[in-house]
């Protein structure tokens, strides 16, 4: 089973980009770095403070196609003339948890059922549905 990458991150110029398993861990890391800057503030305001942040990753790029380029592959998978060696293709992948997607699907299905019910009610109020027209004449 493939483990999905951690979706939460913290960043600052001092430590760079760091992934975290939870939003709390990402926020704590950013707060810890801000605490460091507060301790150092006696030396003056650090220019790097504005780089401290944390958040959630929603998409990630990954290599999806790699092959040796040759004249026969031009146009396939985005491969174009001019590559002299290995061709690499990258795609974006959604990191949103499946549970979030399941909730969205449930919401959409409920809305579809509601619209179908409204259509049935409107059709019933106006009488029976009209007979199909004979277009063969």
C-alpha atoms as a PDB file:
ATOM      1  CA  UNK A   1       0.000   0.000   0.000  1.00  0.00           C
ATOM      2  CA  UNK A   2       1.348   3.431  -0.946  1.00  0.00           C
ATOM      3  CA  UNK A   3       1.560   5.938   1.879  1.00  0.00           C
ATOM      4  CA  UNK A   4       0.254   9.351   0.951  1.00  0.00           C
ATOM      5  CA  UNK A   5       2.670  12.186   1.676  1.00  0.00           C
ATOM      6  CA  UNK A   6       2.013  14.457   4.630  1.00  0.00           C
ATOM      7  CA  UNK A   7      -0.277  17.305   3.571  1.00  0.00           C
ATOM      8  CA  UNK A   8       0.802  19.891   6.138  1.00  0.00           C
ATOM      9  CA  UNK A   9       3.944  22.012   5.976  1.00  0.00           C
ATOM     10  CA  UNK A  10       5.914  24.727   7.674  1.00  0.00           C
ATOM     11  CA  UNK A  11       8.451  26.975   5.988  1.00  0.00           C
ATOM     12  CA  UNK A  12      11.065  29.544   6.863  1.00  0.00           C
ATOM     13  CA  UNK A  13      14.342  30.575   5.285  1.00  0.00           C
ATOM     14  CA  UNK A  14      16.293  29.062   8.190  1.00  0.00           C
ATOM     15  CA  UNK A  15      14.833  25.524   8.026  1.00  0.00           C
ATOM     16  CA  UNK A  16      13.311  25.420   4.569  1.00  0.00           C
ATOM     17  CA  UNK A  17      10.232  23.401   3.630  1.00  0.00           C
ATOM     18  CA  UNK A  18       9.232  20.748   6.195  1.00  0.00           C
ATOM     19  CA  UNK A  19       6.239  18.377   5.939  1.00  0.00           C
ATOM     20  CA  UNK A  20       4.125  17.505   8.984  1.00  0.00           C
ATOM     21  CA  UNK A  21       1.512  14.836   9.663  1.00  0.00           C
ATOM     22  CA  UNK A  22      -0.974  17.212  11.315  1.00  0.00           C
ATOM     23  CA  UNK A  23      -1.939  20.878  11.079  1.00  0.00           C
ATOM     24  CA  UNK A  24      -1.073  21.264  14.753  1.00  0.00           C
ATOM     25  CA  UNK A  25       2.484  20.049  14.168  1.00  0.00           C
ATOM     26  CA  UNK A  26       2.926  22.458  11.258  1.00  0.00           C
ATOM     27  CA  UNK A  27       1.610  25.391  13.268  1.00  0.00           C
ATOM     28  CA  UNK A  28       3.773  24.464  16.274  1.00  0.00           C
ATOM     29  CA  UNK A  29       6.875  24.392  14.066  1.00  0.00           C
ATOM     30  CA  UNK A  30       6.083  27.846  12.673  1.00  0.00           C
ATOM     31  CA  UNK A  31       5.370  29.197  16.162  1.00  0.00           C
ATOM     32  CA  UNK A  32       8.650  27.728  17.446  1.00  0.00           C
ATOM     33  CA  UNK A  33      10.559  29.521  14.692  1.00  0.00           C
ATOM     34  CA  UNK A  34       8.750  32.790  15.526  1.00  0.00           C
ATOM     35  CA  UNK A  35       9.713  32.274  19.184  1.00  0.00           C
ATOM     36  CA  UNK A  36      13.341  31.963  18.078  1.00  0.00           C
ATOM     37  CA  UNK A  37      13.097  35.249  16.187  1.00  0.00           C
ATOM     38  CA  UNK A  38      11.527  36.910  19.241  1.00  0.00           C
ATOM     39  CA  UNK A  39      14.477  35.759  21.373  1.00  0.00           C
ATOM     40  CA  UNK A  40      16.912  37.152  18.821  1.00  0.00           C
ATOM     41  CA  UNK A  41      15.056  40.453  18.469  1.00  0.00           C
ATOM     42  CA  UNK A  42      17.537  42.155  20.800  1.00  0.00           C
ATOM     43  CA  UNK A  43      19.934  42.034  17.850  1.00  0.00           C
ATOM     44  CA  UNK A  44      17.382  43.830  15.660  1.00  0.00           C
ATOM     45  CA  UNK A  45      14.488  42.750  13.494  1.00  0.00           C
ATOM     46  CA  UNK A  46      15.336  39.676  11.437  1.00  0.00           C
ATOM     47  CA  UNK A  47      14.545  40.087   7.745  1.00  0.00           C
ATOM     48  CA  UNK A  48      13.664  36.375   7.551  1.00  0.00           C
ATOM     49  CA  UNK A  49      10.631  36.676   9.873  1.00  0.00           C
ATOM     50  CA  UNK A  50       8.329  37.344   6.912  1.00  0.00           C
ATOM     51  CA  UNK A  51       9.185  33.917   5.455  1.00  0.00           C
ATOM     52  CA  UNK A  52       7.698  31.967   8.395  1.00  0.00           C
ATOM     53  CA  UNK A  53       4.467  30.254   7.386  1.00  0.00           C
ATOM     54  CA  UNK A  54       2.529  27.017   7.633  1.00  0.00           C
ATOM     55  CA  UNK A  55      -0.361  25.533   5.740  1.00  0.00           C
ATOM     56  CA  UNK A  56      -1.949  22.693   3.834  1.00  0.00           C
ATOM     57  CA  UNK A  57      -0.789  21.260   0.534  1.00  0.00           C
ATOM     58  CA  UNK A  58      -3.665  20.535  -1.831  1.00  0.00           C
ATOM     59  CA  UNK A  59      -1.760  19.329  -4.895  1.00  0.00           C
ATOM     60  CA  UNK A  60       1.678  17.963  -5.621  1.00  0.00           C
ATOM     61  CA  UNK A  61       3.654  17.478  -8.835  1.00  0.00           C
ATOM     62  CA  UNK A  62       5.150  14.102  -9.629  1.00  0.00           C
ATOM     63  CA  UNK A  63       6.950  12.531 -12.565  1.00  0.00           C
ATOM     64  CA  UNK A  64       4.494  10.420 -14.548  1.00  0.00           C
ATOM     65  CA  UNK A  65       6.288   9.540 -17.803  1.00  0.00           C
ATOM     66  CA  UNK A  66       9.962   8.966 -18.509  1.00  0.00           C
ATOM     67  CA  UNK A  67      11.353   7.531 -21.702  1.00  0.00           C
ATOM     68  CA  UNK A  68      14.297   7.838 -24.029  1.00  0.00           C
ATOM     69  CA  UNK A  69      13.445  10.351 -26.703  1.00  0.00           C
ATOM     70  CA  UNK A  70      13.617   9.323 -30.330  1.00  0.00           C
ATOM     71  CA  UNK A  71      12.118  10.616 -33.556  1.00  0.00           C
ATOM     72  CA  UNK A  72       9.202   8.181 -33.358  1.00  0.00           C
ATOM     73  CA  UNK A  73       7.843   9.499 -30.057  1.00  0.00           C
ATOM     74  CA  UNK A  74       7.308  13.101 -31.155  1.00  0.00           C
ATOM     75  CA  UNK A  75       3.829  14.160 -30.197  1.00  0.00           C
ATOM     76  CA  UNK A  76       3.242  11.207 -27.866  1.00  0.00           C
ATOM     77  CA  UNK A  77       2.661  12.022 -24.206  1.00  0.00           C
ATOM     78  CA  UNK A  78       3.656  15.637 -24.822  1.00  0.00           C
ATOM     79  CA  UNK A  79       7.089  14.704 -26.165  1.00  0.00           C
ATOM     80  CA  UNK A  80       8.352  17.273 -28.656  1.00  0.00           C
ATOM     81  CA  UNK A  81      11.258  17.614 -31.043  1.00  0.00           C
ATOM     82  CA  UNK A  82      14.414  18.985 -29.526  1.00  0.00           C
ATOM     83  CA  UNK A  83      14.849  16.518 -26.695  1.00  0.00           C
ATOM     84  CA  UNK A  84      18.177  14.824 -27.141  1.00  0.00           C
ATOM     85  CA  UNK A  85      18.048  12.450 -24.225  1.00  0.00           C
ATOM     86  CA  UNK A  86      15.423  11.385 -21.706  1.00  0.00           C
ATOM     87  CA  UNK A  87      11.947  12.903 -21.801  1.00  0.00           C
ATOM     88  CA  UNK A  88      10.183  13.590 -18.489  1.00  0.00           C
ATOM     89  CA  UNK A  89       6.517  14.461 -18.027  1.00  0.00           C
ATOM     90  CA  UNK A  90       5.085  15.826 -14.792  1.00  0.00           C
ATOM     91  CA  UNK A  91       1.490  15.934 -13.581  1.00  0.00           C
ATOM     92  CA  UNK A  92      -0.328  17.414 -10.616  1.00  0.00           C
ATOM     93  CA  UNK A  93      -1.920  15.097  -8.075  1.00  0.00           C
ATOM     94  CA  UNK A  94      -4.685  16.026  -5.654  1.00  0.00           C
ATOM     95  CA  UNK A  95      -3.709  15.515  -2.011  1.00  0.00           C
ATOM     96  CA  UNK A  96      -7.220  16.069  -0.634  1.00  0.00           C
ATOM     97  CA  UNK A  97      -8.166  13.130   1.586  1.00  0.00           C
ATOM     98  CA  UNK A  98     -10.678  10.690   0.154  1.00  0.00           C
ATOM     99  CA  UNK A  99     -12.959  11.310   3.157  1.00  0.00           C
ATOM    100  CA  UNK A 100     -13.364  14.938   2.022  1.00  0.00           C
ATOM    101  CA  UNK A 101     -14.213  13.733  -1.477  1.00  0.00           C
ATOM    102  CA  UNK A 102     -16.714  11.191  -0.112  1.00  0.00           C
ATOM    103  CA  UNK A 103     -18.540  13.980   1.735  1.00  0.00           C
ATOM    104  CA  UNK A 104     -18.663  16.061  -1.451  1.00  0.00           C
ATOM    105  CA  UNK A 105     -20.068  13.099  -3.395  1.00  0.00           C
ATOM    106  CA  UNK A 106     -22.767  12.593  -0.728  1.00  0.00           C
ATOM    107  CA  UNK A 107     -23.663  16.293  -0.897  1.00  0.00           C
ATOM    108  CA  UNK A 108     -23.914  16.193  -4.695  1.00  0.00           C
ATOM    109  CA  UNK A 109     -26.048  13.028  -4.667  1.00  0.00           C
ATOM    110  CA  UNK A 110     -28.430  14.624  -2.152  1.00  0.00           C
ATOM    111  CA  UNK A 111     -28.707  17.708  -4.376  1.00  0.00           C
ATOM    112  CA  UNK A 112     -29.432  15.543  -7.445  1.00  0.00           C
ATOM    113  CA  UNK A 113     -32.159  13.684  -5.521  1.00  0.00           C
ATOM    114  CA  UNK A 114     -33.642  17.030  -4.440  1.00  0.00           C
ATOM    115  CA  UNK A 115     -33.687  18.343  -8.031  1.00  0.00           C
ATOM    116  CA  UNK A 116     -35.228  15.111  -9.333  1.00  0.00           C
ATOM    117  CA  UNK A 117     -37.928  15.347  -6.656  1.00  0.00           C
ATOM    118  CA  UNK A 118     -38.670  18.949  -7.662  1.00  0.00           C
ATOM    119  CA  UNK A 119     -38.906  17.922 -11.313  1.00  0.00           C
ATOM    120  CA  UNK A 120     -41.281  15.069 -10.465  1.00  0.00           C
ATOM    121  CA  UNK A 121     -43.420  17.392  -8.346  1.00  0.00           C
ATOM    122  CA  UNK A 122     -43.528  20.029 -11.106  1.00  0.00           C
ATOM    123  CA  UNK A 123     -44.408  17.434 -13.738  1.00  0.00           C
ATOM    124  CA  UNK A 124     -47.136  15.964 -11.518  1.00  0.00           C
ATOM    125  CA  UNK A 125     -48.629  19.408 -10.858  1.00  0.00           C
ATOM    126  CA  UNK A 126     -48.871  20.159 -14.548  1.00  0.00           C
ATOM    127  CA  UNK A 127     -50.427  16.810 -15.361  1.00  0.00           C
ATOM    128  CA  UNK A 128     -49.044  13.748 -17.049  1.00  0.00           C
ATOM    129  CA  UNK A 129     -45.920  13.988 -19.101  1.00  0.00           C
ATOM    130  CA  UNK A 130     -46.660  14.669 -22.767  1.00  0.00           C
ATOM    131  CA  UNK A 131     -46.689  11.779 -25.213  1.00  0.00           C
ATOM    132  CA  UNK A 132     -43.587  11.558 -27.407  1.00  0.00           C
ATOM    133  CA  UNK A 133     -44.081  13.206 -30.794  1.00  0.00           C
ATOM    134  CA  UNK A 134     -44.117  11.085 -33.904  1.00  0.00           C
ATOM    135  CA  UNK A 135     -41.356  12.577 -36.031  1.00  0.00           C
ATOM    136  CA  UNK A 136     -41.582   9.962 -38.778  1.00  0.00           C
ATOM    137  CA  UNK A 137     -44.225  11.916 -40.761  1.00  0.00           C
END
